[in-house]
């Protein structure tokens, strides 16, 4: 289990991450989604212990980043956004060096290297120099070093950045395979990646958590949009007086028409529209609106 509680990171006067809190359970595949500069990489660096938080606490499997960082890092596999590779080494030499850094026993040394090569489909290229590899294969080498010691938590920062469509598809398949035995956290600014890989998404904006939602809930949390002739001063109090409506938010307004998003019970559109007519308001449109990653992300970043 991973728990961040009121974590803040400052760089001088710049607040890169501001009072962030969330929990990730064992076996989850969680995506950190946000524009460049939203704070995703900073959160990941603090999770891995490569960067200290200014305040707050990070707990991993009952251990705290700070006092127990070295112990925690043995449980982590980390692919930075720009993974440092020794370009004049062959893949096998690089992984051997990494295995020695992890202090793998003689029993597991070559066994784990073989496992990493197999999972990343690099076995046939094991003796090839890293500098001769394409961007996609270099990313695979980065993943291979991250999973070499069979960590229980794998953290991937922009794992498909710069990959072509075929390489992206292969990377997605690899991540899903790894997720069968490990908790996976990945950051991206590409919504399709979250849709294809993740079970849950944490959307960051300007260093804060703007939304934390499970993808399966997007299909069940359909909202009602309604357009009437009353402004917020009248409409919000009216909608919230209805027992079927739990929240109301103005979405847009144009030429005396006001569109609202309602968090309402299922199959209550006819009840809401009837209440609008009974109140003497003009009803222009009412419909159910199913949320998508794109719509949630757009809503968060338009606020």
C-alpha atoms as a PDB file:
ATOM      1  CA  UNK A   1       0.000   0.000   0.000  1.00  0.00           C
ATOM      2  CA  UNK A   2       1.184   3.511  -0.873  1.00  0.00           C
ATOM      3  CA  UNK A   3      -0.062   6.562   0.997  1.00  0.00           C
ATOM      4  CA  UNK A   4       0.760  10.211   0.393  1.00  0.00           C
ATOM      5  CA  UNK A   5      -0.469  12.590   3.050  1.00  0.00           C
ATOM      6  CA  UNK A   6      -0.363  16.381   2.588  1.00  0.00           C
ATOM      7  CA  UNK A   7       2.795  16.175   0.473  1.00  0.00           C
ATOM      8  CA  UNK A   8       4.240  19.472  -0.739  1.00  0.00           C
ATOM      9  CA  UNK A   9       7.402  20.155  -2.728  1.00  0.00           C
ATOM     10  CA  UNK A  10       8.825  23.627  -3.293  1.00  0.00           C
ATOM     11  CA  UNK A  11      11.714  24.758  -5.464  1.00  0.00           C
ATOM     12  CA  UNK A  12      12.486  28.154  -4.003  1.00  0.00           C
ATOM     13  CA  UNK A  13       9.315  30.196  -4.445  1.00  0.00           C
ATOM     14  CA  UNK A  14       7.854  27.692  -6.923  1.00  0.00           C
ATOM     15  CA  UNK A  15       5.347  25.240  -5.444  1.00  0.00           C
ATOM     16  CA  UNK A  16       5.601  22.234  -7.763  1.00  0.00           C
ATOM     17  CA  UNK A  17       3.368  19.951  -5.678  1.00  0.00           C
ATOM     18  CA  UNK A  18       0.889  21.391  -3.206  1.00  0.00           C
ATOM     19  CA  UNK A  19      -0.667  19.417  -0.345  1.00  0.00           C
ATOM     20  CA  UNK A  20      -1.201  16.194  -2.329  1.00  0.00           C
ATOM     21  CA  UNK A  21      -2.870  13.211  -0.656  1.00  0.00           C
ATOM     22  CA  UNK A  22      -3.928   9.850  -2.105  1.00  0.00           C
ATOM     23  CA  UNK A  23      -3.669   6.114  -1.486  1.00  0.00           C
ATOM     24  CA  UNK A  24      -2.861   3.272  -3.884  1.00  0.00           C
ATOM     25  CA  UNK A  25      -3.696  -0.299  -2.958  1.00  0.00           C
ATOM     26  CA  UNK A  26      -1.679  -3.389  -3.819  1.00  0.00           C
ATOM     27  CA  UNK A  27      -2.289  -4.626  -7.368  1.00  0.00           C
ATOM     28  CA  UNK A  28      -3.780  -1.392  -8.735  1.00  0.00           C
ATOM     29  CA  UNK A  29      -2.805   0.119 -12.095  1.00  0.00           C
ATOM     30  CA  UNK A  30      -2.944   3.863 -11.543  1.00  0.00           C
ATOM     31  CA  UNK A  31      -2.279   6.621 -14.042  1.00  0.00           C
ATOM     32  CA  UNK A  32      -1.105  10.112 -13.129  1.00  0.00           C
ATOM     33  CA  UNK A  33      -2.583  12.284 -15.865  1.00  0.00           C
ATOM     34  CA  UNK A  34      -1.893  15.942 -16.484  1.00  0.00           C
ATOM     35  CA  UNK A  35      -0.335  18.531 -18.753  1.00  0.00           C
ATOM     36  CA  UNK A  36       3.439  18.957 -18.746  1.00  0.00           C
ATOM     37  CA  UNK A  37       4.331  20.803 -15.546  1.00  0.00           C
ATOM     38  CA  UNK A  38       1.313  19.523 -13.615  1.00  0.00           C
ATOM     39  CA  UNK A  39       3.548  17.910 -10.968  1.00  0.00           C
ATOM     40  CA  UNK A  40       3.442  14.259 -12.080  1.00  0.00           C
ATOM     41  CA  UNK A  41       7.199  13.708 -12.338  1.00  0.00           C
ATOM     42  CA  UNK A  42       7.838  15.508  -9.056  1.00  0.00           C
ATOM     43  CA  UNK A  43       5.366  13.191  -7.297  1.00  0.00           C
ATOM     44  CA  UNK A  44       7.083  10.151  -8.816  1.00  0.00           C
ATOM     45  CA  UNK A  45      10.539  11.322  -7.781  1.00  0.00           C
ATOM     46  CA  UNK A  46       9.304  11.776  -4.221  1.00  0.00           C
ATOM     47  CA  UNK A  47       7.633   8.343  -4.298  1.00  0.00           C
ATOM     48  CA  UNK A  48      10.928   6.733  -5.276  1.00  0.00           C
ATOM     49  CA  UNK A  49      12.982   8.673  -2.752  1.00  0.00           C
ATOM     50  CA  UNK A  50      15.046  10.512  -5.377  1.00  0.00           C
ATOM     51  CA  UNK A  51      13.566  13.815  -4.248  1.00  0.00           C
ATOM     52  CA  UNK A  52      12.663  14.878  -0.719  1.00  0.00           C
ATOM     53  CA  UNK A  53       9.298  16.405   0.012  1.00  0.00           C
ATOM     54  CA  UNK A  54       9.238  19.849   1.603  1.00  0.00           C
ATOM     55  CA  UNK A  55       6.466  18.718   3.933  1.00  0.00           C
ATOM     56  CA  UNK A  56       4.033  15.842   4.364  1.00  0.00           C
ATOM     57  CA  UNK A  57       4.657  12.105   4.512  1.00  0.00           C
ATOM     58  CA  UNK A  58       4.930   9.171   2.086  1.00  0.00           C
ATOM     59  CA  UNK A  59       4.263   5.659   3.362  1.00  0.00           C
ATOM     60  CA  UNK A  60       5.090   2.517   1.344  1.00  0.00           C
ATOM     61  CA  UNK A  61       4.229  -0.903   2.792  1.00  0.00           C
ATOM     62  CA  UNK A  62       4.305   0.527   6.296  1.00  0.00           C
ATOM     63  CA  UNK A  63       7.666   2.252   5.792  1.00  0.00           C
ATOM     64  CA  UNK A  64       8.323   5.972   5.504  1.00  0.00           C
ATOM     65  CA  UNK A  65      10.222   7.677   2.704  1.00  0.00           C
ATOM     66  CA  UNK A  66      13.038   9.421   4.549  1.00  0.00           C
ATOM     67  CA  UNK A  67      13.819   7.148   7.467  1.00  0.00           C
ATOM     68  CA  UNK A  68      13.299   3.931   5.447  1.00  0.00           C
ATOM     69  CA  UNK A  69      14.114   5.099   1.914  1.00  0.00           C
ATOM     70  CA  UNK A  70      16.780   2.489   1.135  1.00  0.00           C
ATOM     71  CA  UNK A  71      14.538  -0.348   2.285  1.00  0.00           C
ATOM     72  CA  UNK A  72      11.642   0.985   0.219  1.00  0.00           C
ATOM     73  CA  UNK A  73      13.797   1.348  -2.895  1.00  0.00           C
ATOM     74  CA  UNK A  74      14.543  -2.387  -2.905  1.00  0.00           C
ATOM     75  CA  UNK A  75      10.812  -2.923  -3.502  1.00  0.00           C
ATOM     76  CA  UNK A  76      10.561  -0.393  -6.328  1.00  0.00           C
ATOM     77  CA  UNK A  77      11.247  -0.563 -10.038  1.00  0.00           C
ATOM     78  CA  UNK A  78      11.594   2.871 -11.622  1.00  0.00           C
ATOM     79  CA  UNK A  79      11.709   4.044 -15.218  1.00  0.00           C
ATOM     80  CA  UNK A  80      12.482   7.801 -15.275  1.00  0.00           C
ATOM     81  CA  UNK A  81      11.203   9.888 -18.182  1.00  0.00           C
ATOM     82  CA  UNK A  82      14.713  10.030 -19.635  1.00  0.00           C
ATOM     83  CA  UNK A  83      16.210   6.782 -18.433  1.00  0.00           C
ATOM     84  CA  UNK A  84      20.017   7.012 -18.088  1.00  0.00           C
ATOM     85  CA  UNK A  85      21.565   4.262 -20.199  1.00  0.00           C
ATOM     86  CA  UNK A  86      25.244   3.541 -20.830  1.00  0.00           C
ATOM     87  CA  UNK A  87      25.215   3.694 -24.608  1.00  0.00           C
ATOM     88  CA  UNK A  88      28.561   1.940 -25.156  1.00  0.00           C
ATOM     89  CA  UNK A  89      27.452  -1.091 -23.162  1.00  0.00           C
ATOM     90  CA  UNK A  90      25.602  -4.035 -24.644  1.00  0.00           C
ATOM     91  CA  UNK A  91      22.168  -4.776 -23.215  1.00  0.00           C
ATOM     92  CA  UNK A  92      23.432  -7.844 -21.354  1.00  0.00           C
ATOM     93  CA  UNK A  93      26.388  -5.942 -19.866  1.00  0.00           C
ATOM     94  CA  UNK A  94      24.130  -3.102 -18.749  1.00  0.00           C
ATOM     95  CA  UNK A  95      21.655  -5.457 -17.079  1.00  0.00           C
ATOM     96  CA  UNK A  96      24.507  -7.380 -15.448  1.00  0.00           C
ATOM     97  CA  UNK A  97      25.781  -4.121 -13.990  1.00  0.00           C
ATOM     98  CA  UNK A  98      22.299  -3.247 -12.739  1.00  0.00           C
ATOM     99  CA  UNK A  99      21.920  -6.733 -11.232  1.00  0.00           C
ATOM    100  CA  UNK A 100      25.152  -6.220  -9.285  1.00  0.00           C
ATOM    101  CA  UNK A 101      23.811  -2.885  -7.959  1.00  0.00           C
ATOM    102  CA  UNK A 102      20.748  -4.756  -6.671  1.00  0.00           C
ATOM    103  CA  UNK A 103      23.048  -7.272  -4.957  1.00  0.00           C
ATOM    104  CA  UNK A 104      21.284 -10.197  -6.587  1.00  0.00           C
ATOM    105  CA  UNK A 105      22.526 -13.540  -5.309  1.00  0.00           C
ATOM    106  CA  UNK A 106      24.395 -15.977  -7.559  1.00  0.00           C
ATOM    107  CA  UNK A 107      21.258 -18.087  -7.632  1.00  0.00           C
ATOM    108  CA  UNK A 108      19.113 -15.252  -9.006  1.00  0.00           C
ATOM    109  CA  UNK A 109      21.674 -13.176 -10.927  1.00  0.00           C
ATOM    110  CA  UNK A 110      21.379 -14.705 -14.415  1.00  0.00           C
ATOM    111  CA  UNK A 111      17.911 -16.056 -13.785  1.00  0.00           C
ATOM    112  CA  UNK A 112      16.574 -12.527 -13.214  1.00  0.00           C
ATOM    113  CA  UNK A 113      18.473 -11.119 -16.193  1.00  0.00           C
ATOM    114  CA  UNK A 114      16.936 -13.804 -18.372  1.00  0.00           C
ATOM    115  CA  UNK A 115      13.509 -12.962 -16.930  1.00  0.00           C
ATOM    116  CA  UNK A 116      13.922  -9.234 -17.699  1.00  0.00           C
ATOM    117  CA  UNK A 117      15.141  -9.926 -21.243  1.00  0.00           C
ATOM    118  CA  UNK A 118      12.252 -12.296 -21.882  1.00  0.00           C
ATOM    119  CA  UNK A 119       9.560  -9.970 -20.532  1.00  0.00           C
ATOM    120  CA  UNK A 120      10.812  -7.035 -22.596  1.00  0.00           C
ATOM    121  CA  UNK A 121      11.431  -9.217 -25.685  1.00  0.00           C
ATOM    122  CA  UNK A 122      15.123  -8.302 -25.783  1.00  0.00           C
ATOM    123  CA  UNK A 123      16.620 -11.796 -25.656  1.00  0.00           C
ATOM    124  CA  UNK A 124      17.570 -11.805 -29.342  1.00  0.00           C
ATOM    125  CA  UNK A 125      19.285  -8.422 -28.969  1.00  0.00           C
ATOM    126  CA  UNK A 126      21.081  -9.093 -25.690  1.00  0.00           C
ATOM    127  CA  UNK A 127      24.574  -8.561 -27.142  1.00  0.00           C
ATOM    128  CA  UNK A 128      23.634  -5.461 -29.164  1.00  0.00           C
ATOM    129  CA  UNK A 129      25.136  -2.118 -28.125  1.00  0.00           C
ATOM    130  CA  UNK A 130      22.559   0.211 -26.561  1.00  0.00           C
ATOM    131  CA  UNK A 131      23.600   3.140 -28.770  1.00  0.00           C
ATOM    132  CA  UNK A 132      22.504   1.193 -31.857  1.00  0.00           C
ATOM    133  CA  UNK A 133      18.958   0.683 -30.545  1.00  0.00           C
ATOM    134  CA  UNK A 134      15.861   2.577 -31.614  1.00  0.00           C
ATOM    135  CA  UNK A 135      13.957   4.754 -29.154  1.00  0.00           C
ATOM    136  CA  UNK A 136      11.451   1.967 -28.581  1.00  0.00           C
ATOM    137  CA  UNK A 137      14.092  -0.626 -27.754  1.00  0.00           C
ATOM    138  CA  UNK A 138      15.921   1.787 -25.460  1.00  0.00           C
ATOM    139  CA  UNK A 139      12.634   2.220 -23.574  1.00  0.00           C
ATOM    140  CA  UNK A 140      12.456  -1.565 -23.295  1.00  0.00           C
ATOM    141  CA  UNK A 141      15.966  -1.639 -21.818  1.00  0.00           C
ATOM    142  CA  UNK A 142      14.816   0.968 -19.314  1.00  0.00           C
ATOM    143  CA  UNK A 143      11.861  -1.214 -18.357  1.00  0.00           C
ATOM    144  CA  UNK A 144      14.134  -4.272 -18.169  1.00  0.00           C
ATOM    145  CA  UNK A 145      16.332  -2.594 -15.552  1.00  0.00           C
ATOM    146  CA  UNK A 146      13.207  -1.533 -13.652  1.00  0.00           C
ATOM    147  CA  UNK A 147      11.850  -5.085 -13.358  1.00  0.00           C
ATOM    148  CA  UNK A 148      15.201  -6.893 -13.019  1.00  0.00           C
ATOM    149  CA  UNK A 149      14.847  -7.450  -9.261  1.00  0.00           C
ATOM    150  CA  UNK A 150      11.130  -8.370  -9.579  1.00  0.00           C
ATOM    151  CA  UNK A 151       9.812  -5.394  -7.574  1.00  0.00           C
ATOM    152  CA  UNK A 152       6.343  -5.343  -6.053  1.00  0.00           C
ATOM    153  CA  UNK A 153       5.846  -1.725  -7.195  1.00  0.00           C
ATOM    154  CA  UNK A 154       6.715  -0.463 -10.682  1.00  0.00           C
ATOM    155  CA  UNK A 155       6.796   3.288 -11.381  1.00  0.00           C
ATOM    156  CA  UNK A 156       6.948   4.397 -15.017  1.00  0.00           C
ATOM    157  CA  UNK A 157       7.314   8.036 -16.027  1.00  0.00           C
ATOM    158  CA  UNK A 158       5.963   8.668 -19.559  1.00  0.00           C
ATOM    159  CA  UNK A 159       6.761   5.086 -20.708  1.00  0.00           C
ATOM    160  CA  UNK A 160       5.451   5.620 -24.268  1.00  0.00           C
ATOM    161  CA  UNK A 161       6.934   9.071 -24.815  1.00  0.00           C
ATOM    162  CA  UNK A 162       8.429   9.314 -28.313  1.00  0.00           C
ATOM    163  CA  UNK A 163       7.352   5.835 -29.406  1.00  0.00           C
ATOM    164  CA  UNK A 164       5.703   5.090 -32.733  1.00  0.00           C
ATOM    165  CA  UNK A 165       2.239   3.412 -32.780  1.00  0.00           C
ATOM    166  CA  UNK A 166       3.614  -0.128 -32.986  1.00  0.00           C
ATOM    167  CA  UNK A 167       6.127   0.461 -30.203  1.00  0.00           C
ATOM    168  CA  UNK A 168       3.374   2.062 -28.106  1.00  0.00           C
ATOM    169  CA  UNK A 169       1.162  -1.001 -28.540  1.00  0.00           C
ATOM    170  CA  UNK A 170       4.004  -3.304 -27.484  1.00  0.00           C
ATOM    171  CA  UNK A 171       4.740  -1.147 -24.429  1.00  0.00           C
ATOM    172  CA  UNK A 172       1.080  -1.246 -23.393  1.00  0.00           C
ATOM    173  CA  UNK A 173       1.061  -5.038 -23.645  1.00  0.00           C
ATOM    174  CA  UNK A 174       4.221  -5.216 -21.547  1.00  0.00           C
ATOM    175  CA  UNK A 175       2.810  -2.961 -18.822  1.00  0.00           C
ATOM    176  CA  UNK A 176      -0.400  -4.995 -18.625  1.00  0.00           C
ATOM    177  CA  UNK A 177       1.679  -8.163 -18.319  1.00  0.00           C
ATOM    178  CA  UNK A 178       3.777  -6.671 -15.510  1.00  0.00           C
ATOM    179  CA  UNK A 179       0.641  -5.499 -13.716  1.00  0.00           C
ATOM    180  CA  UNK A 180      -0.451  -9.102 -13.167  1.00  0.00           C
ATOM    181  CA  UNK A 181       2.096  -9.391 -10.347  1.00  0.00           C
ATOM    182  CA  UNK A 182       2.950  -5.803  -9.386  1.00  0.00           C
ATOM    183  CA  UNK A 183       1.352  -2.520  -8.462  1.00  0.00           C
ATOM    184  CA  UNK A 184       1.920  -0.172 -11.407  1.00  0.00           C
ATOM    185  CA  UNK A 185       1.962   3.631 -11.341  1.00  0.00           C
ATOM    186  CA  UNK A 186       2.545   5.453 -14.603  1.00  0.00           C
ATOM    187  CA  UNK A 187       2.491   9.089 -15.567  1.00  0.00           C
ATOM    188  CA  UNK A 188       1.367  10.409 -18.906  1.00  0.00           C
ATOM    189  CA  UNK A 189      -0.177  13.409 -20.607  1.00  0.00           C
ATOM    190  CA  UNK A 190      -1.824  11.127 -23.191  1.00  0.00           C
ATOM    191  CA  UNK A 191      -5.422  10.250 -22.299  1.00  0.00           C
ATOM    192  CA  UNK A 192      -5.489   7.208 -24.593  1.00  0.00           C
ATOM    193  CA  UNK A 193      -2.723   5.639 -22.503  1.00  0.00           C
ATOM    194  CA  UNK A 194      -4.833   5.868 -19.369  1.00  0.00           C
ATOM    195  CA  UNK A 195      -7.850   4.423 -21.187  1.00  0.00           C
ATOM    196  CA  UNK A 196      -5.812   1.507 -22.566  1.00  0.00           C
ATOM    197  CA  UNK A 197      -3.870   0.562 -19.444  1.00  0.00           C
ATOM    198  CA  UNK A 198      -5.176   1.961 -16.170  1.00  0.00           C
ATOM    199  CA  UNK A 199      -7.930   1.014 -13.762  1.00  0.00           C
ATOM    200  CA  UNK A 200      -7.842   4.380 -12.035  1.00  0.00           C
ATOM    201  CA  UNK A 201      -6.681   7.869 -12.905  1.00  0.00           C
ATOM    202  CA  UNK A 202      -5.446  10.700 -10.720  1.00  0.00           C
ATOM    203  CA  UNK A 203      -5.615  13.966 -12.665  1.00  0.00           C
ATOM    204  CA  UNK A 204      -3.143  16.630 -11.558  1.00  0.00           C
ATOM    205  CA  UNK A 205      -3.345  20.317 -12.338  1.00  0.00           C
ATOM    206  CA  UNK A 206      -0.938  23.024 -11.135  1.00  0.00           C
ATOM    207  CA  UNK A 207       0.565  20.721  -8.531  1.00  0.00           C
ATOM    208  CA  UNK A 208      -2.669  19.529  -6.912  1.00  0.00           C
ATOM    209  CA  UNK A 209      -4.923  16.499  -7.296  1.00  0.00           C
ATOM    210  CA  UNK A 210      -7.879  17.804  -9.266  1.00  0.00           C
ATOM    211  CA  UNK A 211      -9.674  14.463  -9.749  1.00  0.00           C
ATOM    212  CA  UNK A 212      -9.285  10.877  -8.557  1.00  0.00           C
ATOM    213  CA  UNK A 213     -11.601   8.435 -10.298  1.00  0.00           C
ATOM    214  CA  UNK A 214     -11.860   4.767 -11.282  1.00  0.00           C
ATOM    215  CA  UNK A 215     -12.398   4.248 -14.983  1.00  0.00           C
ATOM    216  CA  UNK A 216     -15.237   1.798 -14.383  1.00  0.00           C
ATOM    217  CA  UNK A 217     -17.127   4.591 -12.640  1.00  0.00           C
ATOM    218  CA  UNK A 218     -17.092   6.743 -15.781  1.00  0.00           C
ATOM    219  CA  UNK A 219     -19.741   4.492 -17.315  1.00  0.00           C
ATOM    220  CA  UNK A 220     -21.955   4.505 -14.235  1.00  0.00           C
ATOM    221  CA  UNK A 221     -21.625   8.162 -13.272  1.00  0.00           C
ATOM    222  CA  UNK A 222     -23.695   9.515 -16.151  1.00  0.00           C
ATOM    223  CA  UNK A 223     -24.790  13.062 -15.372  1.00  0.00           C
ATOM    224  CA  UNK A 224     -27.785  15.069 -16.456  1.00  0.00           C
ATOM    225  CA  UNK A 225     -27.337  18.250 -18.477  1.00  0.00           C
ATOM    226  CA  UNK A 226     -30.279  20.607 -18.571  1.00  0.00           C
ATOM    227  CA  UNK A 227     -30.795  23.973 -20.264  1.00  0.00           C
ATOM    228  CA  UNK A 228     -33.361  26.429 -18.860  1.00  0.00           C
ATOM    229  CA  UNK A 229     -33.978  30.182 -18.840  1.00  0.00           C
ATOM    230  CA  UNK A 230     -32.877  30.894 -15.253  1.00  0.00           C
ATOM    231  CA  UNK A 231     -29.475  32.066 -14.000  1.00  0.00           C
ATOM    232  CA  UNK A 232     -27.475  30.542 -11.137  1.00  0.00           C
ATOM    233  CA  UNK A 233     -29.123  32.635  -8.421  1.00  0.00           C
ATOM    234  CA  UNK A 234     -32.461  30.997  -9.163  1.00  0.00           C
ATOM    235  CA  UNK A 235     -31.556  27.689 -10.778  1.00  0.00           C
ATOM    236  CA  UNK A 236     -29.049  26.270  -8.294  1.00  0.00           C
ATOM    237  CA  UNK A 237     -31.333  26.678  -5.294  1.00  0.00           C
ATOM    238  CA  UNK A 238     -34.241  25.273  -7.339  1.00  0.00           C
ATOM    239  CA  UNK A 239     -32.345  22.182  -8.504  1.00  0.00           C
ATOM    240  CA  UNK A 240     -30.940  21.485  -5.038  1.00  0.00           C
ATOM    241  CA  UNK A 241     -34.460  21.634  -3.605  1.00  0.00           C
ATOM    242  CA  UNK A 242     -35.291  18.518  -5.637  1.00  0.00           C
ATOM    243  CA  UNK A 243     -34.549  15.281  -3.714  1.00  0.00           C
ATOM    244  CA  UNK A 244     -33.324  13.634  -6.938  1.00  0.00           C
ATOM    245  CA  UNK A 245     -30.541  16.226  -7.426  1.00  0.00           C
ATOM    246  CA  UNK A 246     -27.387  16.174  -5.289  1.00  0.00           C
ATOM    247  CA  UNK A 247     -25.303  18.879  -6.974  1.00  0.00           C
ATOM    248  CA  UNK A 248     -25.715  21.569  -9.625  1.00  0.00           C
ATOM    249  CA  UNK A 249     -23.095  23.455 -11.634  1.00  0.00           C
ATOM    250  CA  UNK A 250     -23.438  26.047 -14.406  1.00  0.00           C
ATOM    251  CA  UNK A 251     -21.708  24.748 -17.540  1.00  0.00           C
ATOM    252  CA  UNK A 252     -22.418  27.477 -20.083  1.00  0.00           C
ATOM    253  CA  UNK A 253     -24.714  30.397 -20.879  1.00  0.00           C
ATOM    254  CA  UNK A 254     -25.736  32.009 -24.137  1.00  0.00           C
ATOM    255  CA  UNK A 255     -28.540  34.389 -25.123  1.00  0.00           C
ATOM    256  CA  UNK A 256     -30.607  33.827 -21.997  1.00  0.00           C
ATOM    257  CA  UNK A 257     -30.141  30.063 -22.033  1.00  0.00           C
ATOM    258  CA  UNK A 258     -28.284  28.520 -19.095  1.00  0.00           C
ATOM    259  CA  UNK A 259     -26.930  24.962 -19.227  1.00  0.00           C
ATOM    260  CA  UNK A 260     -26.325  23.136 -15.962  1.00  0.00           C
ATOM    261  CA  UNK A 261     -24.666  19.842 -15.039  1.00  0.00           C
ATOM    262  CA  UNK A 262     -26.655  17.961 -12.433  1.00  0.00           C
ATOM    263  CA  UNK A 263     -25.470  15.126 -10.256  1.00  0.00           C
ATOM    264  CA  UNK A 264     -28.794  13.343 -10.129  1.00  0.00           C
ATOM    265  CA  UNK A 265     -30.241   9.906  -9.428  1.00  0.00           C
ATOM    266  CA  UNK A 266     -30.608   7.528 -12.378  1.00  0.00           C
ATOM    267  CA  UNK A 267     -33.703   7.676 -14.570  1.00  0.00           C
ATOM    268  CA  UNK A 268     -35.026  10.901 -13.033  1.00  0.00           C
ATOM    269  CA  UNK A 269     -34.944  13.152 -16.121  1.00  0.00           C
ATOM    270  CA  UNK A 270     -38.727  13.073 -16.464  1.00  0.00           C
ATOM    271  CA  UNK A 271     -39.168  14.009 -12.793  1.00  0.00           C
ATOM    272  CA  UNK A 272     -36.715  16.921 -13.101  1.00  0.00           C
ATOM    273  CA  UNK A 273     -38.255  18.195 -16.341  1.00  0.00           C
ATOM    274  CA  UNK A 274     -41.723  17.965 -14.770  1.00  0.00           C
ATOM    275  CA  UNK A 275     -40.550  20.038 -11.809  1.00  0.00           C
ATOM    276  CA  UNK A 276     -39.122  22.656 -14.196  1.00  0.00           C
ATOM    277  CA  UNK A 277     -42.434  22.954 -16.036  1.00  0.00           C
ATOM    278  CA  UNK A 278     -44.356  23.107 -12.770  1.00  0.00           C
ATOM    279  CA  UNK A 279     -42.129  25.965 -11.605  1.00  0.00           C
ATOM    280  CA  UNK A 280     -42.990  27.875 -14.779  1.00  0.00           C
ATOM    281  CA  UNK A 281     -39.453  27.867 -16.208  1.00  0.00           C
ATOM    282  CA  UNK A 282     -38.649  27.346 -19.866  1.00  0.00           C
ATOM    283  CA  UNK A 283     -36.992  24.005 -20.606  1.00  0.00           C
ATOM    284  CA  UNK A 284     -34.866  23.945 -23.760  1.00  0.00           C
ATOM    285  CA  UNK A 285     -33.058  20.607 -23.371  1.00  0.00           C
ATOM    286  CA  UNK A 286     -32.444  17.790 -20.901  1.00  0.00           C
ATOM    287  CA  UNK A 287     -30.275  14.750 -21.540  1.00  0.00           C
ATOM    288  CA  UNK A 288     -27.973  12.215 -19.919  1.00  0.00           C
ATOM    289  CA  UNK A 289     -24.257  12.873 -20.446  1.00  0.00           C
ATOM    290  CA  UNK A 290     -21.830   9.949 -20.074  1.00  0.00           C
ATOM    291  CA  UNK A 291     -18.415  10.968 -18.808  1.00  0.00           C
ATOM    292  CA  UNK A 292     -15.193  10.022 -20.603  1.00  0.00           C
ATOM    293  CA  UNK A 293     -11.551  10.553 -19.726  1.00  0.00           C
ATOM    294  CA  UNK A 294     -11.507  13.367 -22.280  1.00  0.00           C
ATOM    295  CA  UNK A 295     -14.578  15.101 -20.831  1.00  0.00           C
ATOM    296  CA  UNK A 296     -13.339  14.825 -17.237  1.00  0.00           C
ATOM    297  CA  UNK A 297      -9.864  16.073 -18.192  1.00  0.00           C
ATOM    298  CA  UNK A 298     -11.330  18.957 -20.174  1.00  0.00           C
ATOM    299  CA  UNK A 299     -13.630  19.901 -17.310  1.00  0.00           C
ATOM    300  CA  UNK A 300     -10.787  19.840 -14.781  1.00  0.00           C
ATOM    301  CA  UNK A 301      -8.528  22.024 -16.937  1.00  0.00           C
ATOM    302  CA  UNK A 302     -11.238  24.531 -17.794  1.00  0.00           C
ATOM    303  CA  UNK A 303     -11.848  25.453 -14.166  1.00  0.00           C
END
